[in-house]
Amino acid sequence: MPMFAARPFDLNTATAALAGVAVRAITTKTTTIIKG
């Protein structure tokens, strides 16, 4: 992933953290819908 490699490490970490939060939110939402 050249685009990610070109970015500063801190920005990479922040992006990864935001992505993780988004994935967790989507997973929780999907799980709730399935259970409901």
Protein backbone atom coordinates (compact mmCIF):
# COMPACT_ATOMS: atom_id res chain seq x y z
CA MET A 1 0.00 0.00 0.00
CA PRO A 2 2.28 2.80 -1.29
CA MET A 3 -0.19 5.56 -0.37
CA PHE A 4 -0.23 4.49 3.28
CA ALA A 5 3.53 4.00 3.33
CA ALA A 6 4.03 7.58 2.14
CA ARG A 7 2.04 8.99 5.06
CA PRO A 8 3.51 9.88 8.46
CA PHE A 9 3.36 7.11 11.05
CA ASP A 10 1.08 9.14 13.35
CA LEU A 11 -1.43 9.66 10.56
CA ASN A 12 -1.32 5.96 9.75
CA THR A 13 -2.04 5.13 13.38
CA ALA A 14 -4.92 7.61 13.55
CA THR A 15 -6.39 6.26 10.32
CA ALA A 16 -6.10 2.69 11.55
CA ALA A 17 -7.74 3.64 14.86
CA LEU A 18 -10.63 5.38 13.09
CA ALA A 19 -11.05 2.39 10.78
CA GLY A 20 -11.10 0.08 13.80
CA VAL A 21 -13.80 2.16 15.48
CA ALA A 22 -15.85 2.22 12.27
CA VAL A 23 -15.56 -1.55 11.85
CA ARG A 24 -16.55 -2.10 15.48
CA ALA A 25 -19.56 0.21 15.12
CA ILE A 26 -20.69 -1.51 11.91
CA THR A 27 -20.19 -4.96 13.46
CA THR A 28 -22.17 -3.99 16.56
CA LYS A 29 -24.94 -2.48 14.45
CA THR A 30 -25.13 -5.56 12.23
CA THR A 31 -25.14 -7.90 15.22
CA THR A 32 -27.95 -5.91 16.83
CA ILE A 33 -30.01 -6.08 13.63
CA ILE A 34 -29.46 -9.84 13.35
CA LYS A 35 -30.34 -10.45 17.00
CA GLY A 36 -33.35 -8.13 16.79
